[in-house]
Amino acid sequence: MSKVCEISGKRPIVANSIQRRGKAKREGGVGKKTTGISKRRQYPNLQKIRVQVAGQEITFRVATSHIPKVYELLDRAKGLKLEGLSAKEIKERLLKLL
């Protein structure tokens, strides 16, 4: 299962994890020293959102910041003729509305 938001395209990013030691200057020390830098990944906060459309249950993997967009998308889809389509076809048509 991919770690990509289906609405926004948010995906994992690479960031640095910085290890420091020492006492901060504001606390009376000589300042923090960097003792190590290593790569780490930051993942988007993805949640599964299940909705009913045309009698089919559709699941979206969406970043929490874009959950309201799913419901906006459903409002836009009210005029579409989606009856008789499979869940996969309905999902593809909904995502084209973006």
PDB file of N, CA and C in Angstrom:
ATOM      1  N   MET A   1       0.842  -1.166   0.000  1.00  0.00           N
ATOM      2  CA  MET A   1       0.000   0.000   0.000  1.00  0.00           C
ATOM      3  C   MET A   1       0.896   1.241   0.000  1.00  0.00           C
ATOM      4  N   SER A   2       0.686   2.100  -0.984  1.00  0.00           N
ATOM      5  CA  SER A   2       1.568   3.260  -1.092  1.00  0.00           C
ATOM      6  C   SER A   2       1.237   4.300  -0.027  1.00  0.00           C
ATOM      7  N   LYS A   3       2.230   5.106   0.300  1.00  0.00           N
ATOM      8  CA  LYS A   3       2.065   6.143   1.320  1.00  0.00           C
ATOM      9  C   LYS A   3       1.889   7.486   0.632  1.00  0.00           C
ATOM     10  N   VAL A   4       0.933   7.552  -0.317  1.00  0.00           N
ATOM     11  CA  VAL A   4       0.680   8.773  -1.077  1.00  0.00           C
ATOM     12  C   VAL A   4      -0.794   9.129  -0.952  1.00  0.00           C
ATOM     13  N   CYS A   5      -1.068  10.411  -0.691  1.00  0.00           N
ATOM     14  CA  CYS A   5      -2.444  10.894  -0.610  1.00  0.00           C
ATOM     15  C   CYS A   5      -3.052  10.880  -2.011  1.00  0.00           C
ATOM     16  N   GLU A   6      -4.257  10.316  -2.158  1.00  0.00           N
ATOM     17  CA  GLU A   6      -4.899  10.224  -3.462  1.00  0.00           C
ATOM     18  C   GLU A   6      -5.459  11.563  -3.922  1.00  0.00           C
ATOM     19  N   ILE A   7      -5.667  12.494  -3.017  1.00  0.00           N
ATOM     20  CA  ILE A   7      -6.216  13.799  -3.371  1.00  0.00           C
ATOM     21  C   ILE A   7      -5.096  14.795  -3.672  1.00  0.00           C
ATOM     22  N   SER A   8      -4.179  14.963  -2.746  1.00  0.00           N
ATOM     23  CA  SER A   8      -3.165  16.018  -2.870  1.00  0.00           C
ATOM     24  C   SER A   8      -1.846  15.531  -3.449  1.00  0.00           C
ATOM     25  N   GLY A   9      -1.583  14.229  -3.393  1.00  0.00           N
ATOM     26  CA  GLY A   9      -0.301  13.719  -3.864  1.00  0.00           C
ATOM     27  C   GLY A   9       0.807  13.833  -2.830  1.00  0.00           C
ATOM     28  N   LYS A  10       0.447  14.183  -1.578  1.00  0.00           N
ATOM     29  CA  LYS A  10       1.470  14.257  -0.530  1.00  0.00           C
ATOM     30  C   LYS A  10       2.129  12.895  -0.392  1.00  0.00           C
ATOM     31  N   ARG A  11       3.456  12.904  -0.242  1.00  0.00           N
ATOM     32  CA  ARG A  11       4.197  11.659  -0.132  1.00  0.00           C
ATOM     33  C   ARG A  11       5.286  11.802   0.908  1.00  0.00           C
ATOM     34  N   PRO A  12       5.939  10.706   1.291  1.00  0.00           N
ATOM     35  CA  PRO A  12       7.011  10.813   2.280  1.00  0.00           C
ATOM     36  C   PRO A  12       8.134  11.716   1.781  1.00  0.00           C
ATOM     37  N   ILE A  13       8.754  12.445   2.716  1.00  0.00           N
ATOM     38  CA  ILE A  13       9.896  13.283   2.375  1.00  0.00           C
ATOM     39  C   ILE A  13      11.088  12.842   3.210  1.00  0.00           C
ATOM     40  N   VAL A  14      12.278  13.211   2.748  1.00  0.00           N
ATOM     41  CA  VAL A  14      13.504  12.888   3.472  1.00  0.00           C
ATOM     42  C   VAL A  14      13.921  14.122   4.254  1.00  0.00           C
ATOM     43  N   ALA A  15      14.228  13.929   5.525  1.00  0.00           N
ATOM     44  CA  ALA A  15      14.669  15.025   6.385  1.00  0.00           C
ATOM     45  C   ALA A  15      15.884  14.549   7.172  1.00  0.00           C
ATOM     46  N   ASN A  16      16.505  15.463   7.856  1.00  0.00           N
ATOM     47  CA  ASN A  16      17.660  15.117   8.679  1.00  0.00           C
ATOM     48  C   ASN A  16      17.266  15.018  10.143  1.00  0.00           C
ATOM     49  N   SER A  17      17.833  14.039  10.823  1.00  0.00           N
ATOM     50  CA  SER A  17      17.719  13.927  12.266  1.00  0.00           C
ATOM     51  C   SER A  17      19.048  14.414  12.832  1.00  0.00           C
ATOM     52  N   ILE A  18      19.007  15.479  13.627  1.00  0.00           N
ATOM     53  CA  ILE A  18      20.232  16.104  14.127  1.00  0.00           C
ATOM     54  C   ILE A  18      20.374  15.820  15.615  1.00  0.00           C
ATOM     55  N   GLN A  19      21.507  15.208  15.987  1.00  0.00           N
ATOM     56  CA  GLN A  19      21.804  14.921  17.389  1.00  0.00           C
ATOM     57  C   GLN A  19      22.677  16.047  17.928  1.00  0.00           C
ATOM     58  N   ARG A  20      22.305  16.586  19.083  1.00  0.00           N
ATOM     59  CA  ARG A  20      23.081  17.673  19.683  1.00  0.00           C
ATOM     60  C   ARG A  20      23.421  17.331  21.125  1.00  0.00           C
ATOM     61  N   ARG A  21      24.515  17.920  21.611  1.00  0.00           N
ATOM     62  CA  ARG A  21      24.858  17.771  23.018  1.00  0.00           C
ATOM     63  C   ARG A  21      25.364  19.113  23.521  1.00  0.00           C
ATOM     64  N   GLY A  22      25.400  19.251  24.816  1.00  0.00           N
ATOM     65  CA  GLY A  22      25.874  20.490  25.416  1.00  0.00           C
ATOM     66  C   GLY A  22      24.726  21.291  26.001  1.00  0.00           C
ATOM     67  N   LYS A  23      25.084  22.333  26.712  1.00  0.00           N
ATOM     68  CA  LYS A  23      24.106  23.188  27.373  1.00  0.00           C
ATOM     69  C   LYS A  23      23.888  24.440  26.529  1.00  0.00           C
ATOM     70  N   ALA A  24      22.630  24.810  26.339  1.00  0.00           N
ATOM     71  CA  ALA A  24      22.301  25.970  25.517  1.00  0.00           C
ATOM     72  C   ALA A  24      22.881  27.246  26.120  1.00  0.00           C
ATOM     73  N   LYS A  25      23.216  28.198  25.256  1.00  0.00           N
ATOM     74  CA  LYS A  25      23.800  29.465  25.722  1.00  0.00           C
ATOM     75  C   LYS A  25      22.857  30.199  26.667  1.00  0.00           C
ATOM     76  N   ARG A  26      21.567  30.162  26.352  1.00  0.00           N
ATOM     77  CA  ARG A  26      20.609  30.892  27.194  1.00  0.00           C
ATOM     78  C   ARG A  26      20.503  30.296  28.596  1.00  0.00           C
ATOM     79  N   GLU A  27      20.987  29.062  28.753  1.00  0.00           N
ATOM     80  CA  GLU A  27      20.987  28.428  30.071  1.00  0.00           C
ATOM     81  C   GLU A  27      22.353  28.524  30.746  1.00  0.00           C
ATOM     82  N   GLY A  28      23.254  29.312  30.157  1.00  0.00           N
ATOM     83  CA  GLY A  28      24.558  29.514  30.770  1.00  0.00           C
ATOM     84  C   GLY A  28      25.657  28.639  30.224  1.00  0.00           C
ATOM     85  N   GLY A  29      25.382  27.876  29.194  1.00  0.00           N
ATOM     86  CA  GLY A  29      26.403  27.006  28.622  1.00  0.00           C
ATOM     87  C   GLY A  29      27.168  27.689  27.500  1.00  0.00           C
ATOM     88  N   VAL A  30      27.985  26.910  26.811  1.00  0.00           N
ATOM     89  CA  VAL A  30      28.776  27.452  25.706  1.00  0.00           C
ATOM     90  C   VAL A  30      28.093  27.214  24.357  1.00  0.00           C
ATOM     91  N   GLY A  31      26.931  26.628  24.357  1.00  0.00           N
ATOM     92  CA  GLY A  31      26.173  26.407  23.122  1.00  0.00           C
ATOM     93  C   GLY A  31      26.103  24.938  22.753  1.00  0.00           C
ATOM     94  N   LYS A  32      25.072  24.610  22.013  1.00  0.00           N
ATOM     95  CA  LYS A  32      24.869  23.230  21.569  1.00  0.00           C
ATOM     96  C   LYS A  32      25.842  22.871  20.462  1.00  0.00           C
ATOM     97  N   LYS A  33      26.332  21.655  20.469  1.00  0.00           N
ATOM     98  CA  LYS A  33      27.225  21.148  19.435  1.00  0.00           C
ATOM     99  C   LYS A  33      26.506  20.020  18.701  1.00  0.00           C
ATOM    100  N   THR A  34      26.637  20.003  17.391  1.00  0.00           N
ATOM    101  CA  THR A  34      26.064  18.929  16.593  1.00  0.00           C
ATOM    102  C   THR A  34      27.016  17.742  16.631  1.00  0.00           C
ATOM    103  N   THR A  35      26.492  16.583  17.029  1.00  0.00           N
ATOM    104  CA  THR A  35      27.342  15.396  17.125  1.00  0.00           C
ATOM    105  C   THR A  35      27.010  14.369  16.056  1.00  0.00           C
ATOM    106  N   GLY A  36      25.916  14.543  15.356  1.00  0.00           N
ATOM    107  CA  GLY A  36      25.578  13.583  14.317  1.00  0.00           C
ATOM    108  C   GLY A  36      24.374  14.018  13.521  1.00  0.00           C
ATOM    109  N   ILE A  37      24.402  13.702  12.237  1.00  0.00           N
ATOM    110  CA  ILE A  37      23.269  13.977  11.354  1.00  0.00           C
ATOM    111  C   ILE A  37      22.993  12.698  10.591  1.00  0.00           C
ATOM    112  N   SER A  38      21.748  12.246  10.612  1.00  0.00           N
ATOM    113  CA  SER A  38      21.383  11.067   9.837  1.00  0.00           C
ATOM    114  C   SER A  38      20.052  11.325   9.145  1.00  0.00           C
ATOM    115  N   LYS A  39      19.832  10.622   8.055  1.00  0.00           N
ATOM    116  CA  LYS A  39      18.610  10.780   7.269  1.00  0.00           C
ATOM    117  C   LYS A  39      17.454  10.074   7.964  1.00  0.00           C
ATOM    118  N   ARG A  40      16.272  10.635   7.792  1.00  0.00           N
ATOM    119  CA  ARG A  40      15.061   9.978   8.264  1.00  0.00           C
ATOM    120  C   ARG A  40      13.933  10.344   7.322  1.00  0.00           C
ATOM    121  N   ARG A  41      12.838   9.615   7.391  1.00  0.00           N
ATOM    122  CA  ARG A  41      11.698   9.893   6.521  1.00  0.00           C
ATOM    123  C   ARG A  41      10.546  10.424   7.346  1.00  0.00           C
ATOM    124  N   GLN A  42       9.854  11.407   6.778  1.00  0.00           N
ATOM    125  CA  GLN A  42       8.653  11.943   7.404  1.00  0.00           C
ATOM    126  C   GLN A  42       7.476  11.551   6.519  1.00  0.00           C
ATOM    127  N   TYR A  43       6.497  10.869   7.112  1.00  0.00           N
ATOM    128  CA  TYR A  43       5.364  10.356   6.366  1.00  0.00           C
ATOM    129  C   TYR A  43       4.152  11.257   6.530  1.00  0.00           C
ATOM    130  N   PRO A  44       3.312  11.367   5.490  1.00  0.00           N
ATOM    131  CA  PRO A  44       2.077  12.133   5.648  1.00  0.00           C
ATOM    132  C   PRO A  44       1.110  11.366   6.550  1.00  0.00           C
ATOM    133  N   ASN A  45       0.247  12.096   7.225  1.00  0.00           N
ATOM    134  CA  ASN A  45      -0.738  11.481   8.116  1.00  0.00           C
ATOM    135  C   ASN A  45      -1.915  11.012   7.265  1.00  0.00           C
ATOM    136  N   LEU A  46      -1.815   9.799   6.723  1.00  0.00           N
ATOM    137  CA  LEU A  46      -2.851   9.257   5.844  1.00  0.00           C
ATOM    138  C   LEU A  46      -3.877   8.477   6.646  1.00  0.00           C
ATOM    139  N   GLN A  47      -5.141   8.663   6.275  1.00  0.00           N
ATOM    140  CA  GLN A  47      -6.239   7.941   6.896  1.00  0.00           C
ATOM    141  C   GLN A  47      -7.114   7.366   5.794  1.00  0.00           C
ATOM    142  N   LYS A  48      -7.749   6.240   6.081  1.00  0.00           N
ATOM    143  CA  LYS A  48      -8.695   5.669   5.129  1.00  0.00           C
ATOM    144  C   LYS A  48     -10.053   6.314   5.355  1.00  0.00           C
ATOM    145  N   ILE A  49     -10.644   6.824   4.290  1.00  0.00           N
ATOM    146  CA  ILE A  49     -11.969   7.435   4.348  1.00  0.00           C
ATOM    147  C   ILE A  49     -12.883   6.586   3.479  1.00  0.00           C
ATOM    148  N   ARG A  50     -13.948   6.057   4.074  1.00  0.00           N
ATOM    149  CA  ARG A  50     -14.902   5.243   3.323  1.00  0.00           C
ATOM    150  C   ARG A  50     -16.175   6.038   3.113  1.00  0.00           C
ATOM    151  N   VAL A  51     -16.647   6.084   1.866  1.00  0.00           N
ATOM    152  CA  VAL A  51     -17.870   6.820   1.541  1.00  0.00           C
ATOM    153  C   VAL A  51     -18.759   5.947   0.662  1.00  0.00           C
ATOM    154  N   GLN A  52     -20.049   6.205   0.728  1.00  0.00           N
ATOM    155  CA  GLN A  52     -21.024   5.512  -0.107  1.00  0.00           C
ATOM    156  C   GLN A  52     -21.378   6.405  -1.292  1.00  0.00           C
ATOM    157  N   VAL A  53     -21.166   5.895  -2.514  1.00  0.00           N
ATOM    158  CA  VAL A  53     -21.521   6.632  -3.722  1.00  0.00           C
ATOM    159  C   VAL A  53     -22.223   5.659  -4.659  1.00  0.00           C
ATOM    160  N   ALA A  54     -23.423   5.998  -5.064  1.00  0.00           N
ATOM    161  CA  ALA A  54     -24.191   5.184  -6.011  1.00  0.00           C
ATOM    162  C   ALA A  54     -24.283   3.730  -5.553  1.00  0.00           C
ATOM    163  N   GLY A  55     -24.460   3.518  -4.260  1.00  0.00           N
ATOM    164  CA  GLY A  55     -24.610   2.178  -3.723  1.00  0.00           C
ATOM    165  C   GLY A  55     -23.308   1.404  -3.577  1.00  0.00           C
ATOM    166  N   GLN A  56     -22.196   2.018  -3.892  1.00  0.00           N
ATOM    167  CA  GLN A  56     -20.887   1.370  -3.782  1.00  0.00           C
ATOM    168  C   GLN A  56     -20.096   2.021  -2.653  1.00  0.00           C
ATOM    169  N   GLU A  57     -19.366   1.207  -1.901  1.00  0.00           N
ATOM    170  CA  GLU A  57     -18.487   1.752  -0.868  1.00  0.00           C
ATOM    171  C   GLU A  57     -17.113   1.981  -1.486  1.00  0.00           C
ATOM    172  N   ILE A  58     -16.635   3.227  -1.375  1.00  0.00           N
ATOM    173  CA  ILE A  58     -15.351   3.602  -1.962  1.00  0.00           C
ATOM    174  C   ILE A  58     -14.415   4.030  -0.850  1.00  0.00           C
ATOM    175  N   THR A  59     -13.164   3.567  -0.918  1.00  0.00           N
ATOM    176  CA  THR A  59     -12.163   3.904   0.089  1.00  0.00           C
ATOM    177  C   THR A  59     -11.107   4.804  -0.532  1.00  0.00           C
ATOM    178  N   PHE A  60     -10.836   5.914   0.141  1.00  0.00           N
ATOM    179  CA  PHE A  60      -9.773   6.827  -0.262  1.00  0.00           C
ATOM    180  C   PHE A  60      -8.703   6.812   0.822  1.00  0.00           C
ATOM    181  N   ARG A  61      -7.428   6.873   0.422  1.00  0.00           N
ATOM    182  CA  ARG A  61      -6.332   7.102   1.381  1.00  0.00           C
ATOM    183  C   ARG A  61      -5.954   8.561   1.239  1.00  0.00           C
ATOM    184  N   VAL A  62      -6.288   9.337   2.280  1.00  0.00           N
ATOM    185  CA  VAL A  62      -6.203  10.790   2.189  1.00  0.00           C
ATOM    186  C   VAL A  62      -5.427  11.334   3.374  1.00  0.00           C
ATOM    187  N   ALA A  63      -4.607  12.364   3.125  1.00  0.00           N
ATOM    188  CA  ALA A  63      -3.950  13.087   4.208  1.00  0.00           C
ATOM    189  C   ALA A  63      -5.036  13.799   5.016  1.00  0.00           C
ATOM    190  N   THR A  64      -4.859  13.875   6.317  1.00  0.00           N
ATOM    191  CA  THR A  64      -5.902  14.458   7.165  1.00  0.00           C
ATOM    192  C   THR A  64      -6.183  15.908   6.801  1.00  0.00           C
ATOM    193  N   SER A  65      -5.208  16.605   6.257  1.00  0.00           N
ATOM    194  CA  SER A  65      -5.435  17.992   5.861  1.00  0.00           C
ATOM    195  C   SER A  65      -6.364  18.098   4.656  1.00  0.00           C
ATOM    196  N   HIS A  66      -6.611  16.998   3.949  1.00  0.00           N
ATOM    197  CA  HIS A  66      -7.456  17.020   2.756  1.00  0.00           C
ATOM    198  C   HIS A  66      -8.740  16.214   2.910  1.00  0.00           C
ATOM    199  N   ILE A  67      -9.087  15.812   4.114  1.00  0.00           N
ATOM    200  CA  ILE A  67     -10.338  15.073   4.318  1.00  0.00           C
ATOM    201  C   ILE A  67     -11.554  15.901   3.891  1.00  0.00           C
ATOM    202  N   PRO A  68     -11.626  17.208   4.196  1.00  0.00           N
ATOM    203  CA  PRO A  68     -12.784  17.981   3.726  1.00  0.00           C
ATOM    204  C   PRO A  68     -12.927  17.986   2.208  1.00  0.00           C
ATOM    205  N   LYS A  69     -11.821  17.857   1.475  1.00  0.00           N
ATOM    206  CA  LYS A  69     -11.872  17.827   0.010  1.00  0.00           C
ATOM    207  C   LYS A  69     -12.661  16.624  -0.492  1.00  0.00           C
ATOM    208  N   VAL A  70     -12.614  15.504   0.238  1.00  0.00           N
ATOM    209  CA  VAL A  70     -13.353  14.311  -0.175  1.00  0.00           C
ATOM    210  C   VAL A  70     -14.845  14.622  -0.191  1.00  0.00           C
ATOM    211  N   TYR A  71     -15.310  15.322   0.833  1.00  0.00           N
ATOM    212  CA  TYR A  71     -16.731  15.634   0.910  1.00  0.00           C
ATOM    213  C   TYR A  71     -17.122  16.711  -0.097  1.00  0.00           C
ATOM    214  N   GLU A  72     -16.216  17.648  -0.413  1.00  0.00           N
ATOM    215  CA  GLU A  72     -16.462  18.613  -1.488  1.00  0.00           C
ATOM    216  C   GLU A  72     -16.586  17.872  -2.816  1.00  0.00           C
ATOM    217  N   LEU A  73     -15.738  16.869  -2.998  1.00  0.00           N
ATOM    218  CA  LEU A  73     -15.746  16.071  -4.213  1.00  0.00           C
ATOM    219  C   LEU A  73     -17.083  15.347  -4.373  1.00  0.00           C
ATOM    220  N   LEU A  74     -17.614  14.822  -3.270  1.00  0.00           N
ATOM    221  CA  LEU A  74     -18.901  14.127  -3.324  1.00  0.00           C
ATOM    222  C   LEU A  74     -20.030  15.088  -3.667  1.00  0.00           C
ATOM    223  N   ASP A  75     -19.952  16.325  -3.172  1.00  0.00           N
ATOM    224  CA  ASP A  75     -20.970  17.318  -3.520  1.00  0.00           C
ATOM    225  C   ASP A  75     -20.930  17.631  -5.012  1.00  0.00           C
ATOM    226  N   ARG A  76     -19.731  17.729  -5.582  1.00  0.00           N
ATOM    227  CA  ARG A  76     -19.596  18.001  -7.014  1.00  0.00           C
ATOM    228  C   ARG A  76     -20.110  16.847  -7.861  1.00  0.00           C
ATOM    229  N   ALA A  77     -20.042  15.629  -7.319  1.00  0.00           N
ATOM    230  CA  ALA A  77     -20.400  14.434  -8.080  1.00  0.00           C
ATOM    231  C   ALA A  77     -21.898  14.165  -8.088  1.00  0.00           C
ATOM    232  N   LYS A  78     -22.687  15.001  -7.418  1.00  0.00           N
ATOM    233  CA  LYS A  78     -24.132  14.730  -7.330  1.00  0.00           C
ATOM    234  C   LYS A  78     -24.793  14.660  -8.704  1.00  0.00           C
ATOM    235  N   GLY A  79     -24.318  15.434  -9.684  1.00  0.00           N
ATOM    236  CA  GLY A  79     -24.944  15.454 -11.003  1.00  0.00           C
ATOM    237  C   GLY A  79     -24.457  14.371 -11.943  1.00  0.00           C
ATOM    238  N   LEU A  80     -23.431  13.640 -11.571  1.00  0.00           N
ATOM    239  CA  LEU A  80     -22.875  12.618 -12.461  1.00  0.00           C
ATOM    240  C   LEU A  80     -23.728  11.357 -12.462  1.00  0.00           C
ATOM    241  N   LYS A  81     -23.722  10.672 -13.597  1.00  0.00           N
ATOM    242  CA  LYS A  81     -24.430   9.401 -13.709  1.00  0.00           C
ATOM    243  C   LYS A  81     -23.442   8.289 -13.368  1.00  0.00           C
ATOM    244  N   LEU A  82     -23.513   7.809 -12.147  1.00  0.00           N
ATOM    245  CA  LEU A  82     -22.559   6.808 -11.675  1.00  0.00           C
ATOM    246  C   LEU A  82     -23.206   5.446 -11.423  1.00  0.00           C
ATOM    247  N   GLU A  83     -24.498   5.341 -11.655  1.00  0.00           N
ATOM    248  CA  GLU A  83     -25.197   4.073 -11.412  1.00  0.00           C
ATOM    249  C   GLU A  83     -24.685   3.001 -12.367  1.00  0.00           C
ATOM    250  N   GLY A  84     -24.527   1.796 -11.858  1.00  0.00           N
ATOM    251  CA  GLY A  84     -24.119   0.667 -12.680  1.00  0.00           C
ATOM    252  C   GLY A  84     -22.617   0.554 -12.894  1.00  0.00           C
ATOM    253  N   LEU A  85     -21.846   1.475 -12.349  1.00  0.00           N
ATOM    254  CA  LEU A  85     -20.393   1.405 -12.483  1.00  0.00           C
ATOM    255  C   LEU A  85     -19.796   0.673 -11.287  1.00  0.00           C
ATOM    256  N   SER A  86     -18.618   0.099 -11.493  1.00  0.00           N
ATOM    257  CA  SER A  86     -17.930  -0.561 -10.383  1.00  0.00           C
ATOM    258  C   SER A  86     -17.331   0.500  -9.466  1.00  0.00           C
ATOM    259  N   ALA A  87     -16.948   0.082  -8.271  1.00  0.00           N
ATOM    260  CA  ALA A  87     -16.371   1.014  -7.301  1.00  0.00           C
ATOM    261  C   ALA A  87     -15.093   1.641  -7.850  1.00  0.00           C
ATOM    262  N   LYS A  88     -14.296   0.853  -8.561  1.00  0.00           N
ATOM    263  CA  LYS A  88     -13.041   1.369  -9.123  1.00  0.00           C
ATOM    264  C   LYS A  88     -13.312   2.444 -10.174  1.00  0.00           C
ATOM    265  N   GLU A  89     -14.312   2.205 -11.043  1.00  0.00           N
ATOM    266  CA  GLU A  89     -14.650   3.187 -12.078  1.00  0.00           C
ATOM    267  C   GLU A  89     -15.202   4.467 -11.463  1.00  0.00           C
ATOM    268  N   ILE A  90     -16.023   4.327 -10.422  1.00  0.00           N
ATOM    269  CA  ILE A  90     -16.572   5.504  -9.741  1.00  0.00           C
ATOM    270  C   ILE A  90     -15.443   6.323  -9.133  1.00  0.00           C
ATOM    271  N   LYS A  91     -14.501   5.643  -8.495  1.00  0.00           N
ATOM    272  CA  LYS A  91     -13.377   6.335  -7.860  1.00  0.00           C
ATOM    273  C   LYS A  91     -12.557   7.097  -8.897  1.00  0.00           C
ATOM    274  N   GLU A  92     -12.298   6.480 -10.057  1.00  0.00           N
ATOM    275  CA  GLU A  92     -11.542   7.145 -11.116  1.00  0.00           C
ATOM    276  C   GLU A  92     -12.273   8.387 -11.609  1.00  0.00           C
ATOM    277  N   ARG A  93     -13.583   8.298 -11.780  1.00  0.00           N
ATOM    278  CA  ARG A  93     -14.360   9.457 -12.241  1.00  0.00           C
ATOM    279  C   ARG A  93     -14.357  10.578 -11.219  1.00  0.00           C
ATOM    280  N   LEU A  94     -14.455  10.216  -9.940  1.00  0.00           N
ATOM    281  CA  LEU A  94     -14.434  11.237  -8.891  1.00  0.00           C
ATOM    282  C   LEU A  94     -13.090  11.956  -8.858  1.00  0.00           C
ATOM    283  N   LEU A  95     -11.996  11.211  -8.990  1.00  0.00           N
ATOM    284  CA  LEU A  95     -10.671  11.825  -8.931  1.00  0.00           C
ATOM    285  C   LEU A  95     -10.396  12.710 -10.147  1.00  0.00           C
ATOM    286  N   LYS A  96     -11.079  12.456 -11.274  1.00  0.00           N
ATOM    287  CA  LYS A  96     -10.928  13.322 -12.447  1.00  0.00           C
ATOM    288  C   LYS A  96     -11.575  14.683 -12.223  1.00  0.00           C
ATOM    289  N   LEU A  97     -12.503  14.772 -11.280  1.00  0.00           N
ATOM    290  CA  LEU A  97     -13.172  16.046 -11.001  1.00  0.00           C
ATOM    291  C   LEU A  97     -12.244  17.056 -10.336  1.00  0.00           C
ATOM    292  N   LEU A  98     -11.151  16.590  -9.773  1.00  0.00           N
ATOM    293  CA  LEU A  98     -10.252  17.503  -9.051  1.00  0.00           C
ATOM    294  C   LEU A  98      -9.569  18.471  -9.956  1.00  0.00           C
TER     295      LEU A  98
END
